[in-house]
Structure formats: C-alpha cells, structure tokens
Amino acid sequence: MSDNSTTNLGLPLLQPAQAQKHVTVNDALMRLDGMVDLVLQSTTRSTPPTVVVDGQCWAVPAGAINAWEGQGGNVAIGSNGGWVFVKPVFGRRALVADRGVITIHDGTAWVLGAVSLGQHGSGMIANQLSDDLTLGTGTSTTTSISIPAGAMVIGATARVLTAITGTLSTWQLGNADSTNRFGEGLGKGVGSWSRGILSAPMTFWNATPLRLTATGGQFTGGVVRIVIHWWELRLPN
C-alpha cells in the first residue's frame, strides 16, 4: 500500500489537512461501487462505449483506444461521464455479462469460466458460448461457433427465436458425426427448445461446430439460439 491509496482496490486515502476532502471520498465510493460484486460488461471490447453509464465496468484489453488507450489490463469504471481505472489483483472475481460466465484474475489476466485457479495457473474451467443462427434454405445449417478443442462437453441447448419455416416436420441438433447428438424431433414454433444433456460428458479433441438438420424436408428460414456448454482443464504455467 502506498501512502495515498489502499492495496487491493487502490482507494484514495484522505491526507492530513487535505482540502476538497469530498472529492477523494467520492472517488473512493465510485471505485467501491464498481468493484464490489464486480460485473464486467466485457473483457474483449477495445473501444469505450459512446455513452458512459455510471458504475458500469469493463475489463480493458491490450491495444484499447480513445479514452481507454494505455489502460490495458485495468478495469474501467464509468464515473461522471468519464472513467476511473483500477488495477485488478490475483483472485479478483467477476461475472462477465456478454459471456454469462464467472472469471477469476490470475494476477496478469482474466481467466474466463474459472471455477478454481491454482498458484501455478492450473484450473477447472466451466464455459459456454452462444450463437443466434439464421437458417437459410437447405437441409442443414452449421453454426459459426464451435466446441473448442480439448473441451469436455456436457451438452448443448437451443431456443427458437423466430419460427422455423420450410417443408420440414421437425429438426435435429448435433454435429457432423451424430446429427441428433443434442436433440431430435424438435419443434419449429417460437419458444421451442432443446436441452441436450449428454448421458456421459464427451471430450472433443478438435474444434467442432454444431449442425441443425431438417427432418422430412428442408429449412427456408428462422432464427435459433444455440448454446454450447463445456468443461476444460487449464494447464499450469
């Protein structure tokens, strides 16, 4: 800890005979408001949002620009139309809003999906990835997202956002070597869903996209939200 700030959150400390004490106190309160029960809007956005929301936090990546330039690795907290920057320390936890996973800081970077994090960087990771897939004309469509290489997949879920059209009667969710691995006989209407939990988790050694396959006809349109759920092991440093 320096003479002017606290160790973990860098909260500014009042100094003897200091003028404008309210400025220091308010700055400390803004940092606390952002960092306690921390929610990071994203860990990948490199351009600050046009509208600054007080208390909203972002993990600033390397190479960020504009008002975040030179702040890579810090947490940017919206404050009075500008930004307050705090350096996270080992063990800091947060929810990443745009990924829906917990993250833990390893002292250098955020580890997305970390459930545990050892002193040498090893850890158990629980992660998910989503894609709103627009269906074109045809009997099958492949997702733009993939199961990561080395992931132990628990399952995949889906929800129809815009009704599926075409001559098909139902559809399946799977991948190239098993088109119904995560569900079959699935509905076409808005709100129809699939919860494809595998009876035994399956490890994929190569990156693998998912595939939606029409049954009894073909697709002509529709939007389906696909989510992949997996575990993985993080190697020690």
Protein backbone atom coordinates (compact mmCIF):
# COMPACT_ATOMS: atom_id res chain seq x y z
CA MET A 1 0.00 0.00 0.00
CA SER A 2 1.25 3.49 -0.84
CA ASP A 3 0.76 6.45 1.48
CA ASN A 4 -2.06 7.66 -0.77
CA SER A 5 -4.14 4.57 -1.61
CA THR A 6 -5.24 1.16 -0.38
CA THR A 7 -3.61 -2.07 -1.56
CA ASN A 8 -6.39 -4.06 -3.24
CA LEU A 9 -8.75 -1.54 -4.81
CA GLY A 10 -6.48 1.49 -4.98
CA LEU A 11 -8.96 3.57 -2.98
CA PRO A 12 -7.62 7.09 -2.41
CA LEU A 13 -6.92 7.94 1.22
CA LEU A 14 -7.60 11.26 2.91
CA GLN A 15 -4.47 13.18 3.83
CA PRO A 16 -3.92 15.40 6.87
CA ALA A 17 -5.22 18.92 6.37
CA GLN A 18 -6.42 17.98 2.89
CA ALA A 19 -8.69 20.42 1.07
CA GLN A 20 -11.65 19.26 -1.03
CA LYS A 21 -11.98 16.04 1.02
CA HIS A 22 -15.30 15.23 -0.63
CA VAL A 23 -13.53 14.75 -3.99
CA THR A 24 -11.32 11.99 -2.55
CA VAL A 25 -14.21 10.34 -0.71
CA ASN A 26 -16.46 10.40 -3.77
CA ASP A 27 -13.69 8.90 -5.92
CA ALA A 28 -13.26 6.07 -3.39
CA LEU A 29 -17.01 5.44 -3.31
CA MET A 30 -17.20 5.21 -7.13
CA ARG A 31 -14.40 2.63 -7.11
CA LEU A 32 -16.13 0.61 -4.40
CA ASP A 33 -19.46 0.81 -6.23
CA GLY A 34 -17.84 -0.66 -9.34
CA MET A 35 -15.52 -3.28 -7.86
CA VAL A 36 -17.63 -4.82 -5.07
CA ASP A 37 -19.69 -7.72 -6.53
CA LEU A 38 -17.95 -6.88 -9.79
CA VAL A 39 -19.80 -7.30 -13.10
CA LEU A 40 -17.70 -6.81 -16.23
CA GLN A 41 -19.71 -5.95 -19.32
CA SER A 42 -16.99 -7.47 -21.49
CA THR A 43 -13.33 -8.50 -21.44
CA THR A 44 -12.78 -8.05 -25.19
CA ARG A 45 -14.17 -4.65 -26.16
CA SER A 46 -11.33 -2.29 -27.08
CA THR A 47 -13.36 0.86 -27.84
CA PRO A 48 -15.12 2.67 -24.96
CA PRO A 49 -18.91 2.93 -25.28
CA THR A 50 -20.17 6.25 -26.60
CA VAL A 51 -22.47 6.70 -23.60
CA VAL A 52 -20.76 6.26 -20.22
CA VAL A 53 -23.01 4.64 -17.60
CA ASP A 54 -22.00 5.44 -14.02
CA GLY A 55 -20.85 2.30 -12.21
CA GLN A 56 -20.70 0.14 -15.34
CA CYS A 57 -17.39 -1.75 -15.55
CA TRP A 58 -15.31 -3.07 -18.43
CA ALA A 59 -12.09 -5.11 -18.47
CA VAL A 60 -9.82 -3.11 -20.77
CA PRO A 61 -7.90 -5.36 -23.21
CA ALA A 62 -4.43 -4.63 -24.60
CA GLY A 63 -4.50 -2.21 -27.51
CA ALA A 64 -7.63 -0.36 -26.38
CA ILE A 65 -8.14 3.07 -27.94
CA ASN A 66 -9.59 6.51 -27.27
CA ALA A 67 -10.28 7.12 -23.55
CA TRP A 68 -9.00 3.60 -22.71
CA GLU A 69 -5.67 3.98 -24.51
CA GLY A 70 -2.79 2.79 -22.33
CA GLN A 71 -5.15 1.22 -19.77
CA GLY A 72 -4.86 -2.40 -20.93
CA GLY A 73 -5.26 -4.82 -18.04
CA ASN A 74 -7.20 -2.38 -15.87
CA VAL A 75 -10.90 -2.23 -15.05
CA ALA A 76 -12.63 0.88 -16.42
CA ILE A 77 -15.45 2.15 -14.19
CA GLY A 78 -17.90 4.70 -15.59
CA SER A 79 -17.88 7.85 -13.46
CA ASN A 80 -19.49 11.23 -14.16
CA GLY A 81 -19.21 10.90 -17.93
CA GLY A 82 -15.60 9.68 -17.74
CA TRP A 83 -13.62 6.74 -16.44
CA VAL A 84 -11.89 5.65 -13.25
CA PHE A 85 -9.31 2.89 -13.73
CA VAL A 86 -8.49 0.19 -11.17
CA LYS A 87 -5.80 -2.49 -11.48
CA PRO A 88 -7.23 -5.92 -10.52
CA VAL A 89 -5.17 -8.27 -8.34
CA PHE A 90 -4.85 -12.05 -8.10
CA GLY A 91 -8.07 -13.72 -7.01
CA ARG A 92 -10.45 -10.92 -8.00
CA ARG A 93 -13.74 -12.44 -9.24
CA ALA A 94 -16.36 -11.07 -11.60
CA LEU A 95 -19.31 -12.05 -13.78
CA VAL A 96 -18.70 -11.37 -17.48
CA ALA A 97 -22.07 -10.13 -18.78
CA ASP A 98 -21.59 -10.76 -22.51
CA ARG A 99 -20.44 -14.35 -21.91
CA GLY A 100 -22.52 -15.29 -18.87
CA VAL A 101 -19.57 -16.86 -17.04
CA ILE A 102 -17.56 -16.21 -13.89
CA THR A 103 -13.96 -15.08 -14.29
CA ILE A 104 -11.03 -15.03 -11.88
CA HIS A 105 -7.94 -12.84 -12.25
CA ASP A 106 -4.63 -14.75 -12.18
CA GLY A 107 -2.55 -11.67 -11.41
CA THR A 108 -1.93 -10.98 -15.10
CA ALA A 109 -5.19 -11.60 -16.95
CA TRP A 110 -8.81 -12.65 -16.51
CA VAL A 111 -9.44 -16.41 -16.79
CA LEU A 112 -12.95 -16.80 -18.20
CA GLY A 113 -15.03 -19.61 -16.74
CA ALA A 114 -12.56 -20.36 -13.93
CA VAL A 115 -14.09 -22.38 -11.10
CA SER A 116 -10.73 -23.00 -9.46
CA LEU A 117 -7.34 -21.38 -10.04
CA GLY A 118 -4.13 -22.84 -8.60
CA GLN A 119 -0.99 -20.98 -7.67
CA HIS A 120 0.70 -22.12 -10.90
CA GLY A 121 -2.20 -21.13 -13.14
CA SER A 122 -3.90 -24.52 -13.39
CA GLY A 123 -7.64 -24.60 -13.02
CA MET A 124 -11.03 -26.08 -13.78
CA ILE A 125 -12.97 -24.10 -16.38
CA ALA A 126 -16.75 -24.13 -16.88
CA ASN A 127 -17.65 -22.21 -20.02
CA GLN A 128 -20.38 -21.56 -22.57
CA LEU A 129 -20.68 -19.96 -25.98
CA SER A 130 -23.82 -18.86 -27.83
CA ASP A 131 -24.83 -18.08 -31.40
CA ASP A 132 -28.11 -16.73 -32.83
CA LEU A 133 -28.19 -18.76 -36.02
CA THR A 134 -30.21 -17.56 -39.03
CA LEU A 135 -31.36 -20.51 -41.10
CA GLY A 136 -31.10 -20.43 -44.87
CA THR A 137 -32.61 -22.70 -47.49
CA GLY A 138 -31.37 -26.27 -47.26
CA THR A 139 -31.49 -29.48 -45.28
CA SER A 140 -28.81 -28.49 -42.76
CA THR A 141 -27.02 -25.46 -41.34
CA THR A 142 -23.72 -25.30 -39.45
CA THR A 143 -23.10 -22.91 -36.56
CA SER A 144 -20.44 -20.20 -36.66
CA ILE A 145 -19.39 -21.20 -33.13
CA SER A 146 -17.52 -24.40 -32.37
CA ILE A 147 -16.86 -26.70 -29.46
CA PRO A 148 -13.27 -25.79 -28.50
CA ALA A 149 -10.51 -28.36 -28.97
CA GLY A 150 -9.91 -30.22 -25.72
CA ALA A 151 -13.32 -29.40 -24.28
CA MET A 152 -15.34 -31.93 -22.29
CA VAL A 153 -18.87 -31.20 -23.49
CA ILE A 154 -21.78 -31.50 -21.06
CA GLY A 155 -24.37 -30.72 -23.69
CA ALA A 156 -25.94 -28.08 -25.91
CA THR A 157 -29.16 -26.11 -25.57
CA ALA A 158 -31.31 -24.29 -28.11
CA ARG A 159 -34.32 -21.96 -28.31
CA VAL A 160 -36.28 -20.96 -31.44
CA LEU A 161 -36.32 -17.13 -31.57
CA THR A 162 -38.09 -16.75 -34.93
CA ALA A 163 -40.35 -19.54 -36.17
CA ILE A 164 -38.61 -22.07 -38.41
CA THR A 165 -40.14 -22.23 -41.87
CA GLY A 166 -39.86 -24.79 -44.64
CA THR A 167 -41.15 -28.21 -45.60
CA LEU A 168 -39.52 -29.97 -42.64
CA SER A 169 -41.62 -31.65 -39.96
CA THR A 170 -39.04 -31.42 -37.15
CA TRP A 171 -35.30 -30.83 -36.77
CA GLN A 172 -32.26 -32.26 -35.03
CA LEU A 173 -29.32 -30.70 -33.17
CA GLY A 174 -25.94 -32.38 -33.29
CA ASN A 175 -22.67 -32.31 -35.17
CA ALA A 176 -21.22 -33.87 -38.32
CA ASP A 177 -20.74 -37.40 -36.93
CA SER A 178 -24.03 -37.51 -34.99
CA THR A 179 -26.73 -35.17 -36.25
CA ASN A 180 -29.07 -35.86 -33.30
CA ARG A 181 -26.47 -35.87 -30.50
CA PHE A 182 -28.16 -32.97 -28.66
CA GLY A 183 -31.80 -33.45 -29.65
CA GLU A 184 -34.27 -34.71 -32.25
CA GLY A 185 -37.95 -34.30 -33.03
CA LEU A 186 -37.60 -30.60 -32.14
CA GLY A 187 -40.35 -28.04 -32.65
CA LYS A 188 -40.48 -25.19 -35.19
CA GLY A 189 -42.52 -22.60 -33.29
CA VAL A 190 -41.20 -19.62 -31.35
CA GLY A 191 -40.10 -20.73 -27.90
CA SER A 192 -39.50 -24.36 -28.89
CA TRP A 193 -36.37 -25.63 -27.19
CA SER A 194 -33.84 -28.40 -26.76
CA ARG A 195 -31.89 -29.32 -23.62
CA GLY A 196 -29.36 -31.79 -24.98
CA ILE A 197 -27.59 -33.15 -21.90
CA LEU A 198 -25.18 -35.98 -22.69
CA SER A 199 -25.53 -39.08 -20.53
CA ALA A 200 -21.74 -39.06 -20.25
CA PRO A 201 -19.61 -35.96 -20.93
CA MET A 202 -17.74 -36.22 -24.23
CA THR A 203 -14.29 -34.78 -24.97
CA PHE A 204 -13.73 -33.23 -28.39
CA TRP A 205 -10.06 -33.10 -29.42
CA ASN A 206 -10.70 -30.90 -32.47
CA ALA A 207 -12.79 -27.72 -32.76
CA THR A 208 -16.25 -28.88 -33.84
CA PRO A 209 -19.22 -26.74 -34.98
CA LEU A 210 -22.79 -27.84 -34.32
CA ARG A 211 -25.24 -28.76 -37.06
CA LEU A 212 -29.01 -28.25 -37.36
CA THR A 213 -30.58 -30.85 -39.63
CA ALA A 214 -34.11 -30.77 -41.06
CA THR A 215 -36.24 -33.91 -40.80
CA GLY A 216 -38.81 -34.70 -43.54
CA GLY A 217 -37.98 -31.68 -45.71
CA GLN A 218 -35.79 -28.59 -45.66
CA PHE A 219 -35.38 -25.21 -43.96
CA THR A 220 -36.27 -21.92 -45.63
CA GLY A 221 -35.86 -19.58 -42.66
CA GLY A 222 -35.95 -18.98 -38.92
CA VAL A 223 -33.58 -18.00 -36.11
CA VAL A 224 -32.38 -20.38 -33.41
CA ARG A 225 -30.23 -19.50 -30.39
CA ILE A 226 -27.64 -22.23 -29.83
CA VAL A 227 -25.52 -22.55 -26.67
CA ILE A 228 -22.60 -24.96 -26.13
CA HIS A 229 -21.79 -25.93 -22.51
CA TRP A 230 -18.43 -27.46 -21.62
CA TRP A 231 -15.66 -28.10 -19.08
CA GLU A 232 -11.95 -27.86 -19.70
CA LEU A 233 -8.67 -28.12 -17.78
CA ARG A 234 -6.26 -25.16 -17.69
CA LEU A 235 -2.61 -26.12 -17.85
CA PRO A 236 -0.16 -24.94 -15.18
CA ASN A 237 2.34 -22.27 -16.18
